[in-house]
């Protein structure tokens, strides 16, 4: 499920740099979550931990999620700077995660 979510979110986003977006994607999965790729990555980690029965990986998943959250906060600042009111409206309507 996590890998499918990441794959679908990347397809929706289209080509281009993640660091320098030229358009604000608000359709599909991005209309339900502002960060479906990151949600998918967290699900992949938890899923792999369960499948491999790796308690360390599972125990580290909250730390991983916290680090991703910090990255997301920085990214949101960049998106606000780049897209202004358009991003602010989107952020007010769509939850950060789910």
N, C-alpha and C. Protein backbone atom coordinates (compact mmCIF):
# COMPACT_ATOMS: atom_id res chain seq x y z
N UNK A 1 0.82 -1.19 0.00
CA UNK A 1 0.00 0.00 0.00
C UNK A 1 0.87 1.26 0.00
N UNK A 2 1.89 1.29 0.83
CA UNK A 2 2.77 2.45 0.90
C UNK A 2 3.47 2.73 -0.41
N UNK A 3 4.00 1.67 -1.02
CA UNK A 3 4.71 1.84 -2.29
C UNK A 3 3.75 2.30 -3.39
N UNK A 4 2.54 1.79 -3.38
CA UNK A 4 1.53 2.22 -4.35
C UNK A 4 1.18 3.69 -4.16
N UNK A 5 1.11 4.12 -2.93
CA UNK A 5 0.82 5.52 -2.62
C UNK A 5 1.94 6.43 -3.12
N UNK A 6 3.17 6.04 -2.85
CA UNK A 6 4.33 6.83 -3.32
C UNK A 6 4.33 6.90 -4.84
N UNK A 7 4.15 5.76 -5.49
CA UNK A 7 4.17 5.70 -6.96
C UNK A 7 3.07 6.58 -7.56
N UNK A 8 1.86 6.47 -7.03
CA UNK A 8 0.75 7.27 -7.55
C UNK A 8 1.00 8.76 -7.33
N UNK A 9 1.53 9.13 -6.18
CA UNK A 9 1.79 10.54 -5.88
C UNK A 9 2.87 11.10 -6.80
N UNK A 10 3.90 10.31 -7.08
CA UNK A 10 4.97 10.76 -7.98
C UNK A 10 4.41 10.95 -9.39
N UNK A 11 3.57 10.04 -9.83
CA UNK A 11 2.96 10.16 -11.17
C UNK A 11 2.09 11.41 -11.27
N UNK A 12 1.31 11.66 -10.23
CA UNK A 12 0.45 12.85 -10.23
C UNK A 12 1.28 14.13 -10.29
N UNK A 13 2.36 14.12 -9.58
CA UNK A 13 3.23 15.29 -9.50
C UNK A 13 3.84 15.62 -10.84
N UNK A 14 4.19 14.60 -11.59
CA UNK A 14 4.76 14.81 -12.92
C UNK A 14 6.26 15.09 -12.86
N UNK A 15 6.83 15.42 -14.02
CA UNK A 15 8.28 15.64 -14.09
C UNK A 15 8.68 16.95 -13.43
N UNK A 16 9.94 17.06 -13.14
CA UNK A 16 10.45 18.29 -12.55
C UNK A 16 11.12 18.03 -11.22
N UNK A 17 11.69 19.06 -10.70
CA UNK A 17 12.45 18.98 -9.46
C UNK A 17 11.55 19.10 -8.24
N UNK A 18 11.76 18.23 -7.27
CA UNK A 18 11.04 18.36 -6.00
C UNK A 18 11.49 19.61 -5.26
N UNK A 19 12.77 19.94 -5.39
CA UNK A 19 13.33 21.09 -4.68
C UNK A 19 12.89 22.42 -5.29
N UNK A 20 12.55 22.42 -6.59
CA UNK A 20 12.17 23.65 -7.28
C UNK A 20 10.88 23.44 -8.07
N UNK A 21 9.75 23.27 -7.39
CA UNK A 21 8.50 23.01 -8.10
C UNK A 21 8.06 24.23 -8.92
N UNK A 22 7.51 23.95 -10.08
CA UNK A 22 7.02 25.04 -10.94
C UNK A 22 5.50 25.13 -10.90
N UNK A 23 4.83 24.07 -10.43
CA UNK A 23 3.38 24.10 -10.28
C UNK A 23 3.01 23.50 -8.93
N UNK A 24 1.89 23.93 -8.43
CA UNK A 24 1.35 23.40 -7.18
C UNK A 24 0.35 22.30 -7.53
N UNK A 25 0.66 21.07 -7.15
CA UNK A 25 -0.21 19.94 -7.47
C UNK A 25 -1.28 19.83 -6.38
N UNK A 26 -2.54 19.92 -6.79
CA UNK A 26 -3.65 19.90 -5.82
C UNK A 26 -4.73 18.88 -6.19
N UNK A 27 -4.48 18.06 -7.21
CA UNK A 27 -5.48 17.10 -7.67
C UNK A 27 -5.17 15.70 -7.15
N UNK A 28 -6.11 14.78 -7.34
CA UNK A 28 -5.90 13.38 -6.98
C UNK A 28 -5.58 13.19 -5.51
N UNK A 29 -4.54 12.42 -5.23
CA UNK A 29 -4.14 12.18 -3.84
C UNK A 29 -3.79 13.47 -3.12
N UNK A 30 -3.25 14.42 -3.87
CA UNK A 30 -2.86 15.71 -3.27
C UNK A 30 -4.07 16.55 -2.88
N UNK A 31 -5.27 16.13 -3.26
CA UNK A 31 -6.47 16.82 -2.81
C UNK A 31 -6.94 16.28 -1.46
N UNK A 32 -6.32 15.19 -1.03
CA UNK A 32 -6.67 14.59 0.27
C UNK A 32 -5.55 14.71 1.29
N UNK A 33 -4.34 14.85 0.80
CA UNK A 33 -3.15 14.98 1.66
C UNK A 33 -2.15 15.86 0.93
N UNK A 34 -1.57 16.82 1.65
CA UNK A 34 -0.56 17.66 1.02
C UNK A 34 0.76 16.90 0.84
N UNK A 35 0.91 15.76 1.50
CA UNK A 35 2.17 15.02 1.48
C UNK A 35 1.98 13.52 1.29
N UNK A 36 1.30 13.09 0.24
CA UNK A 36 1.06 11.66 0.09
C UNK A 36 2.35 10.84 -0.11
N UNK A 37 3.39 11.45 -0.70
CA UNK A 37 4.65 10.71 -0.87
C UNK A 37 5.27 10.39 0.49
N UNK A 38 5.24 11.36 1.39
CA UNK A 38 5.83 11.14 2.71
C UNK A 38 5.00 10.15 3.53
N UNK A 39 3.69 10.24 3.42
CA UNK A 39 2.83 9.27 4.11
C UNK A 39 3.14 7.87 3.59
N UNK A 40 3.28 7.74 2.28
CA UNK A 40 3.62 6.45 1.68
C UNK A 40 4.96 5.93 2.15
N UNK A 41 5.95 6.80 2.26
CA UNK A 41 7.28 6.38 2.74
C UNK A 41 7.20 5.83 4.16
N UNK A 42 6.43 6.49 5.00
CA UNK A 42 6.27 5.99 6.38
C UNK A 42 5.57 4.63 6.39
N UNK A 43 4.57 4.48 5.54
CA UNK A 43 3.88 3.18 5.46
C UNK A 43 4.81 2.09 4.94
N UNK A 44 5.67 2.42 3.99
CA UNK A 44 6.64 1.45 3.48
C UNK A 44 7.56 0.99 4.61
N UNK A 45 8.06 1.92 5.40
CA UNK A 45 8.95 1.55 6.49
C UNK A 45 8.26 0.65 7.51
N UNK A 46 7.05 0.99 7.90
CA UNK A 46 6.32 0.17 8.87
C UNK A 46 6.00 -1.20 8.26
N UNK A 47 5.60 -1.21 7.00
CA UNK A 47 5.30 -2.48 6.33
C UNK A 47 6.51 -3.38 6.23
N UNK A 48 7.66 -2.80 5.84
CA UNK A 48 8.88 -3.60 5.77
C UNK A 48 9.29 -4.13 7.15
N UNK A 49 9.13 -3.29 8.16
CA UNK A 49 9.46 -3.73 9.52
C UNK A 49 8.60 -4.91 9.93
N UNK A 50 7.33 -4.86 9.59
CA UNK A 50 6.42 -5.96 9.95
C UNK A 50 6.72 -7.23 9.15
N UNK A 51 6.94 -7.07 7.85
CA UNK A 51 7.19 -8.24 6.99
C UNK A 51 8.49 -8.93 7.37
N UNK A 52 9.51 -8.13 7.70
CA UNK A 52 10.81 -8.71 8.04
C UNK A 52 10.94 -9.01 9.54
N UNK A 53 9.90 -8.65 10.28
CA UNK A 53 9.89 -8.82 11.74
C UNK A 53 11.10 -8.15 12.38
N UNK A 54 11.39 -6.95 11.89
CA UNK A 54 12.53 -6.19 12.36
C UNK A 54 12.06 -5.17 13.39
N UNK A 55 12.23 -5.52 14.66
CA UNK A 55 11.76 -4.66 15.75
C UNK A 55 12.50 -3.32 15.77
N UNK A 56 13.77 -3.31 15.40
CA UNK A 56 14.54 -2.06 15.38
C UNK A 56 13.98 -1.09 14.34
N UNK A 57 13.66 -1.62 13.18
CA UNK A 57 13.10 -0.77 12.12
C UNK A 57 11.75 -0.21 12.56
N UNK A 58 10.95 -1.04 13.19
CA UNK A 58 9.65 -0.59 13.67
C UNK A 58 9.81 0.45 14.78
N UNK A 59 10.75 0.20 15.67
CA UNK A 59 10.99 1.15 16.77
C UNK A 59 11.51 2.48 16.25
N UNK A 60 12.26 2.46 15.15
CA UNK A 60 12.83 3.69 14.60
C UNK A 60 11.82 4.47 13.76
N UNK A 61 10.70 3.87 13.39
CA UNK A 61 9.75 4.54 12.51
C UNK A 61 9.21 5.86 13.07
N UNK A 62 8.94 6.01 14.37
CA UNK A 62 8.51 7.33 14.86
C UNK A 62 9.62 8.39 14.71
N UNK A 63 10.86 7.98 14.89
CA UNK A 63 11.98 8.91 14.71
C UNK A 63 12.06 9.34 13.25
N UNK A 64 11.92 8.37 12.36
CA UNK A 64 11.91 8.65 10.93
C UNK A 64 10.78 9.61 10.58
N UNK A 65 9.61 9.36 11.11
CA UNK A 65 8.46 10.22 10.85
C UNK A 65 8.70 11.64 11.37
N UNK A 66 9.32 11.75 12.53
CA UNK A 66 9.62 13.08 13.09
C UNK A 66 10.62 13.83 12.21
N UNK A 67 11.61 13.13 11.69
CA UNK A 67 12.58 13.76 10.78
C UNK A 67 11.90 14.20 9.49
N UNK A 68 11.02 13.36 8.96
CA UNK A 68 10.26 13.74 7.76
C UNK A 68 9.39 14.96 8.04
N UNK A 69 8.79 15.01 9.22
CA UNK A 69 7.94 16.13 9.60
C UNK A 69 8.74 17.44 9.57
N UNK A 70 9.96 17.41 10.09
CA UNK A 70 10.81 18.61 10.06
C UNK A 70 11.10 19.04 8.63
N UNK A 71 11.35 18.08 7.76
CA UNK A 71 11.59 18.37 6.35
C UNK A 71 10.34 18.97 5.70
N UNK A 72 9.19 18.45 6.06
CA UNK A 72 7.93 18.94 5.51
C UNK A 72 7.69 20.39 5.93
N UNK A 73 7.99 20.71 7.17
CA UNK A 73 7.81 22.09 7.64
C UNK A 73 8.69 23.06 6.83
N UNK A 74 9.92 22.66 6.54
CA UNK A 74 10.80 23.50 5.71
C UNK A 74 10.24 23.62 4.29
N UNK A 75 9.75 22.50 3.76
CA UNK A 75 9.18 22.50 2.41
C UNK A 75 7.95 23.39 2.34
N UNK A 76 7.13 23.38 3.37
CA UNK A 76 5.93 24.23 3.38
C UNK A 76 6.31 25.70 3.33
N UNK A 77 7.37 26.06 4.00
CA UNK A 77 7.85 27.45 3.96
C UNK A 77 8.24 27.84 2.53
N UNK A 78 8.96 26.96 1.85
CA UNK A 78 9.36 27.20 0.46
C UNK A 78 8.13 27.33 -0.43
N UNK A 79 7.16 26.45 -0.25
CA UNK A 79 5.94 26.50 -1.07
C UNK A 79 5.16 27.79 -0.83
N UNK A 80 5.12 28.22 0.42
CA UNK A 80 4.45 29.49 0.72
C UNK A 80 5.17 30.64 0.02
N UNK A 81 6.49 30.65 0.08
CA UNK A 81 7.27 31.70 -0.58
C UNK A 81 7.07 31.68 -2.09
N UNK A 82 7.00 30.50 -2.67
CA UNK A 82 6.92 30.36 -4.13
C UNK A 82 5.50 30.62 -4.67
N UNK A 83 4.47 30.11 -3.96
CA UNK A 83 3.11 30.16 -4.49
C UNK A 83 2.17 31.09 -3.73
N UNK A 84 2.60 31.61 -2.60
CA UNK A 84 1.84 32.60 -1.84
C UNK A 84 0.43 32.18 -1.47
N UNK A 85 -0.53 33.04 -1.85
CA UNK A 85 -1.94 32.84 -1.48
C UNK A 85 -2.48 31.52 -2.01
N UNK A 86 -2.04 31.12 -3.19
CA UNK A 86 -2.50 29.85 -3.76
C UNK A 86 -2.15 28.69 -2.83
N UNK A 87 -0.92 28.68 -2.31
CA UNK A 87 -0.52 27.61 -1.38
C UNK A 87 -1.27 27.76 -0.06
N UNK A 88 -1.42 28.98 0.44
CA UNK A 88 -2.11 29.19 1.71
C UNK A 88 -3.55 28.68 1.66
N UNK A 89 -4.24 28.91 0.54
CA UNK A 89 -5.61 28.42 0.37
C UNK A 89 -5.63 26.89 0.35
N UNK A 90 -4.70 26.32 -0.39
CA UNK A 90 -4.59 24.86 -0.47
C UNK A 90 -4.32 24.27 0.92
N UNK A 91 -3.38 24.86 1.65
CA UNK A 91 -3.03 24.37 2.99
C UNK A 91 -4.20 24.48 3.95
N UNK A 92 -5.04 25.49 3.78
CA UNK A 92 -6.20 25.66 4.65
C UNK A 92 -7.27 24.60 4.37
N UNK A 93 -7.32 24.10 3.14
CA UNK A 93 -8.35 23.14 2.73
C UNK A 93 -7.94 21.67 2.89
N UNK A 94 -6.65 21.38 2.71
CA UNK A 94 -6.18 19.99 2.64
C UNK A 94 -5.26 19.71 3.82
N UNK A 95 -5.50 18.62 4.56
CA UNK A 95 -4.65 18.31 5.70
C UNK A 95 -3.22 17.97 5.30
N UNK A 96 -2.31 18.24 6.21
CA UNK A 96 -0.89 17.97 5.95
C UNK A 96 -0.64 16.49 5.67
N UNK A 97 -1.27 15.62 6.43
CA UNK A 97 -1.03 14.19 6.26
C UNK A 97 -2.28 13.49 5.76
N UNK A 98 -3.22 13.18 6.62
CA UNK A 98 -4.45 12.55 6.15
C UNK A 98 -5.57 12.83 7.09
